[in-house]
Amino acid sequence: MAATELIRVDRARGVATLTLDSPHNRNALSTPLMTRLLAELDSAAADEAVRVVVITHTGPVFCSGADLSETAAGVAPTGLLSDVLAAIWESPKPVVARVGGAARAGGLGLVAAADIAICADEATFAFSEVRIGVVPAIISGTVLRRLAPRAAAELFLTGDVFDGRRAAEIGLVTAAAPAEALDATVASYCGALLRGGPLALAGTKKVLHRPPAATVREDLADLAALSAEYFGSDEGREGVLAFREKRAPRWVPDE
């Protein structure tokens, strides 16, 4: 199957939706799929018309993890998976994961890398690596930044399956919703994100991911300088003016 058939792309009203579309292997993280996904993430990041990226899927499985047919053949595209997770984590655009079905192993790395992840209550998750004799190594780079430590130890070591509500409780996803409300919930989050200034959103992602300074005083000094920079920017001045004039800033898409 050609890589061009593995990711469907739709752009509308500032949102780029990247749909994993590889039903023959349950949207596994094959080399062709990850190559195309990485290219589309880079394209969305570079497109000024794109304000939010949504990663979703066709079929009942969000992502089944590594393509075991490749690993059985001695191909382990670990560097490519690292690049994909980093591209999601570092994207200047907010990334929303829409999880309507099962996610396993490497697929949970995608979920954790996203800024906001919404799943169906009925979706199931598992860090199944230990059950095939391997380690959830690469995905821990994003997952352990989200999960409560006790839950991470339990679920990494047991490989047990858990549902969407548990995923929300432990921080793997932002929220769980009934299946019939999943799309409306994702649309609501996207609508809220579209109201943020594009540069401010990118800057806020950097704040969320920045390592702490050596002392609180140094941290506050750096953050005060950053705050002044954004208040003095064209975008910041437009946002303040729009607030005073009781109108939407010019970056908010028309309804």
Protein backbone atom coordinates (compact mmCIF):
# COMPACT_ATOMS: atom_id res chain seq x y z
CA MET A 1 0.00 0.00 0.00
CA ALA A 2 1.39 3.39 -0.97
CA ALA A 3 2.10 5.87 1.78
CA THR A 4 -0.27 8.35 0.18
CA GLU A 5 -3.15 6.00 1.05
CA LEU A 6 -2.36 5.77 4.74
CA ILE A 7 -3.21 9.30 5.93
CA ARG A 8 -6.24 11.25 4.81
CA VAL A 9 -6.00 15.02 5.15
CA ASP A 10 -8.81 17.55 5.41
CA ARG A 11 -8.40 21.28 6.00
CA ALA A 12 -11.39 23.41 6.98
CA ARG A 13 -11.79 26.63 8.97
CA GLY A 14 -8.28 26.59 10.36
CA VAL A 15 -8.32 22.91 11.39
CA ALA A 16 -6.17 20.28 9.65
CA THR A 17 -7.55 16.80 10.33
CA LEU A 18 -5.08 13.96 9.79
CA THR A 19 -6.89 10.63 9.68
CA LEU A 20 -4.96 7.40 10.17
CA ASP A 21 -6.36 5.23 7.40
CA SER A 22 -4.62 1.86 7.39
CA PRO A 23 -7.39 -0.62 8.21
CA HIS A 24 -5.49 -3.66 6.94
CA ASN A 25 -3.18 -3.51 10.00
CA ARG A 26 -5.38 -1.58 12.46
CA ASN A 27 -3.57 1.70 11.83
CA ALA A 28 -0.26 0.24 12.96
CA LEU A 29 2.79 2.47 13.07
CA SER A 30 4.40 1.18 9.89
CA THR A 31 7.29 2.96 8.23
CA PRO A 32 5.07 4.24 5.37
CA LEU A 33 2.35 5.50 7.73
CA MET A 34 4.79 7.28 10.03
CA THR A 35 6.67 8.78 7.08
CA ARG A 36 3.45 10.25 5.72
CA LEU A 37 2.22 11.35 9.15
CA LEU A 38 5.49 13.16 9.82
CA ALA A 39 5.28 14.90 6.44
CA GLU A 40 1.70 16.03 7.09
CA LEU A 41 2.57 17.28 10.59
CA ASP A 42 5.42 19.31 9.10
CA SER A 43 3.11 20.65 6.38
CA ALA A 44 0.47 21.69 8.92
CA ALA A 45 3.07 23.39 11.09
CA ALA A 46 4.30 25.42 8.11
CA ASP A 47 0.82 26.39 6.84
CA GLU A 48 -0.29 29.73 8.27
CA ALA A 49 -3.90 28.87 7.47
CA VAL A 50 -3.77 25.89 9.82
CA ARG A 51 -4.40 26.83 13.44
CA VAL A 52 -5.20 23.44 15.01
CA VAL A 53 -4.26 19.87 14.08
CA VAL A 54 -6.55 16.93 14.85
CA ILE A 55 -5.27 13.34 14.67
CA THR A 56 -8.07 10.80 14.28
CA HIS A 57 -8.67 7.43 12.65
CA THR A 58 -10.88 5.26 10.50
CA GLY A 59 -12.26 1.98 11.79
CA PRO A 60 -12.62 0.67 15.34
CA VAL A 61 -8.92 1.01 16.26
CA PHE A 62 -7.13 4.32 16.78
CA CYS A 63 -3.69 2.74 16.54
CA SER A 64 -2.50 -0.78 17.34
CA GLY A 65 1.11 0.22 17.97
CA ALA A 66 4.17 -1.01 16.12
CA ASP A 67 3.74 -2.84 12.84
CA LEU A 68 4.78 -6.31 14.03
CA SER A 69 5.22 -7.53 10.46
CA GLU A 70 8.07 -5.04 10.16
CA THR A 71 9.65 -5.94 13.49
CA ALA A 72 9.42 -9.64 12.63
CA ALA A 73 11.36 -8.87 9.47
CA GLY A 74 14.05 -7.15 11.49
CA VAL A 75 12.86 -3.62 10.74
CA ALA A 76 12.39 -1.42 13.81
CA PRO A 77 11.81 2.21 12.77
CA THR A 78 12.47 3.52 16.28
CA GLY A 79 14.07 6.73 15.06
CA LEU A 80 11.03 7.49 12.92
CA LEU A 81 8.65 6.99 15.84
CA SER A 82 10.80 9.31 17.92
CA ASP A 83 10.56 11.93 15.17
CA VAL A 84 6.76 11.61 14.96
CA LEU A 85 6.27 11.97 18.71
CA ALA A 86 8.64 14.94 18.83
CA ALA A 87 6.85 16.60 15.89
CA ILE A 88 3.52 16.36 17.72
CA TRP A 89 4.98 17.51 21.05
CA GLU A 90 6.93 20.41 19.50
CA SER A 91 4.34 21.51 16.95
CA PRO A 92 3.69 25.26 17.16
CA LYS A 93 0.04 24.45 16.50
CA PRO A 94 -2.11 22.80 19.20
CA VAL A 95 -2.59 19.11 18.43
CA VAL A 96 -5.81 17.32 19.43
CA ALA A 97 -6.06 13.52 19.45
CA ARG A 98 -9.53 12.10 18.79
CA VAL A 99 -9.61 8.51 20.01
CA GLY A 100 -12.80 6.68 19.15
CA GLY A 101 -11.48 3.15 19.54
CA ALA A 102 -8.71 0.96 20.85
CA ALA A 103 -5.17 2.23 21.30
CA ARG A 104 -2.26 0.00 22.15
CA ALA A 105 1.45 0.38 22.86
CA GLY A 106 2.98 2.92 20.46
CA GLY A 107 -0.44 4.36 19.73
CA LEU A 108 -0.53 5.62 23.31
CA GLY A 109 2.61 7.60 22.56
CA LEU A 110 0.65 9.55 19.95
CA VAL A 111 -2.17 10.18 22.43
CA ALA A 112 0.22 11.41 25.12
CA ALA A 113 2.17 13.61 22.70
CA ALA A 114 -0.98 15.55 21.75
CA ASP A 115 -1.75 18.71 23.70
CA ILE A 116 -5.37 17.69 24.16
CA ALA A 117 -6.70 14.14 23.84
CA ILE A 118 -10.38 13.24 23.83
CA CYS A 119 -11.51 9.62 23.85
CA ALA A 120 -14.75 7.73 23.85
CA ASP A 121 -15.74 6.22 27.19
CA GLU A 122 -15.71 2.84 25.45
CA ALA A 123 -12.21 3.22 24.00
CA THR A 124 -9.68 0.81 25.43
CA PHE A 125 -5.98 1.27 26.09
CA ALA A 126 -3.06 -0.96 27.05
CA PHE A 127 0.70 -0.71 27.33
CA SER A 128 0.99 -4.21 25.92
CA GLU A 129 4.75 -4.22 25.29
CA VAL A 130 5.77 -6.41 28.25
CA ARG A 131 3.38 -9.11 27.10
CA ILE A 132 5.40 -9.61 23.93
CA GLY A 133 8.71 -9.31 25.74
CA VAL A 134 9.64 -5.72 24.90
CA VAL A 135 9.75 -2.41 26.75
CA PRO A 136 7.55 0.72 26.34
CA ALA A 137 10.72 2.74 25.89
CA ILE A 138 10.24 5.41 23.22
CA ILE A 139 6.64 6.21 24.13
CA SER A 140 7.64 6.75 27.76
CA GLY A 141 9.17 10.03 26.59
CA THR A 142 5.67 11.45 26.16
CA VAL A 143 3.56 9.12 28.31
CA LEU A 144 5.48 9.59 31.57
CA ARG A 145 5.03 13.35 31.22
CA ARG A 146 1.26 12.78 31.42
CA LEU A 147 0.55 9.81 33.68
CA ALA A 148 0.35 9.72 37.45
CA PRO A 149 3.46 7.77 38.58
CA ARG A 150 1.61 4.97 40.39
CA ALA A 151 -0.67 4.41 37.41
CA ALA A 152 2.32 4.38 35.06
CA ALA A 153 4.04 1.68 37.12
CA GLU A 154 0.89 -0.43 37.31
CA LEU A 155 -0.05 -0.23 33.67
CA PHE A 156 3.45 -0.40 32.16
CA LEU A 157 4.27 -3.51 34.23
CA THR A 158 0.98 -5.41 33.94
CA GLY A 159 -0.02 -4.57 30.39
CA ASP A 160 -3.64 -4.61 31.57
CA VAL A 161 -6.42 -3.09 29.47
CA PHE A 162 -8.19 0.01 30.81
CA ASP A 163 -11.05 2.13 29.51
CA GLY A 164 -11.52 5.76 28.57
CA ARG A 165 -12.68 6.89 31.98
CA ARG A 166 -9.56 5.44 33.63
CA ALA A 167 -7.44 7.07 30.92
CA ALA A 168 -8.90 10.44 31.90
CA GLU A 169 -8.43 9.80 35.63
CA ILE A 170 -4.70 9.08 35.27
CA GLY A 171 -3.96 11.91 32.84
CA LEU A 172 -3.41 9.97 29.62
CA VAL A 173 -6.30 11.84 28.00
CA THR A 174 -7.87 15.22 28.70
CA ALA A 175 -11.44 13.95 28.82
CA ALA A 176 -13.61 10.96 27.98
CA ALA A 177 -17.03 11.36 26.40
CA PRO A 178 -19.86 9.09 25.29
CA ALA A 179 -19.20 7.83 21.77
CA GLU A 180 -22.14 9.80 20.38
CA ALA A 181 -20.71 13.02 21.86
CA LEU A 182 -17.08 12.47 20.83
CA ASP A 183 -17.11 14.58 17.67
CA ALA A 184 -19.01 17.43 19.34
CA THR A 185 -16.53 17.42 22.22
CA VAL A 186 -13.54 17.54 19.88
CA ALA A 187 -15.20 20.34 17.88
CA SER A 188 -15.77 22.30 21.10
CA TYR A 189 -12.10 22.10 22.03
CA CYS A 190 -11.05 23.08 18.51
CA GLY A 191 -13.39 26.07 18.65
CA ALA A 192 -11.83 27.19 21.91
CA LEU A 193 -8.31 26.80 20.50
CA LEU A 194 -9.19 28.85 17.43
CA ARG A 195 -9.94 31.81 19.68
CA GLY A 196 -6.33 31.94 20.86
CA GLY A 197 -3.73 34.04 19.05
CA PRO A 198 -1.57 31.80 16.83
CA LEU A 199 1.72 33.15 18.18
CA ALA A 200 0.38 33.12 21.73
CA LEU A 201 -0.62 29.47 21.39
CA ALA A 202 2.85 28.55 20.13
CA GLY A 203 4.42 30.54 22.97
CA THR A 204 2.13 28.94 25.53
CA LYS A 205 3.16 25.47 24.35
CA LYS A 206 6.77 26.46 24.98
CA VAL A 207 5.87 27.63 28.48
CA LEU A 208 4.11 24.34 29.18
CA HIS A 209 7.13 22.34 28.07
CA ARG A 210 9.99 24.49 29.35
CA PRO A 211 12.32 23.08 31.99
CA PRO A 212 12.35 25.01 35.26
CA ALA A 213 15.17 27.45 35.96
CA ALA A 214 17.63 26.86 38.81
CA THR A 215 15.66 29.10 41.17
CA VAL A 216 12.15 30.50 41.37
CA ARG A 217 13.53 34.04 41.11
CA GLU A 218 15.35 33.21 37.84
CA ASP A 219 12.22 31.50 36.54
CA LEU A 220 10.05 34.52 37.31
CA ALA A 221 12.54 36.92 35.73
CA ASP A 222 12.57 34.89 32.51
CA LEU A 223 8.79 34.64 32.49
CA ALA A 224 8.35 38.36 33.13
CA ALA A 225 10.51 39.12 30.09
CA LEU A 226 8.48 36.65 28.03
CA SER A 227 5.21 38.23 29.17
CA ALA A 228 6.41 41.71 28.22
CA GLU A 229 7.45 40.45 24.80
CA TYR A 230 3.99 39.12 24.04
CA PHE A 231 2.13 42.12 25.45
CA GLY A 232 4.27 44.32 23.18
CA SER A 233 3.75 42.20 20.06
CA ASP A 234 1.34 43.09 17.26
CA GLU A 235 -0.79 40.12 18.21
CA GLY A 236 -0.85 41.12 21.87
CA ARG A 237 -1.81 44.69 21.07
CA GLU A 238 -4.58 43.51 18.76
CA GLY A 239 -5.91 41.16 21.42
CA VAL A 240 -6.01 43.88 24.09
CA LEU A 241 -7.64 46.33 21.67
CA ALA A 242 -10.27 43.76 20.65
CA PHE A 243 -11.04 43.10 24.31
CA ARG A 244 -11.50 46.80 24.99
CA GLU A 245 -13.66 47.22 21.88
CA LYS A 246 -15.72 44.13 22.79
CA ARG A 247 -15.09 42.37 19.50
CA ALA A 248 -13.34 39.21 18.39
CA PRO A 249 -9.64 39.58 17.52
CA ARG A 250 -8.91 39.47 13.81
CA TRP A 251 -7.36 35.99 14.04
CA VAL A 252 -10.67 34.37 15.08
CA PRO A 253 -12.25 32.65 12.03
CA ASP A 254 -15.68 33.82 10.94
CA GLU A 255 -18.49 31.54 11.99
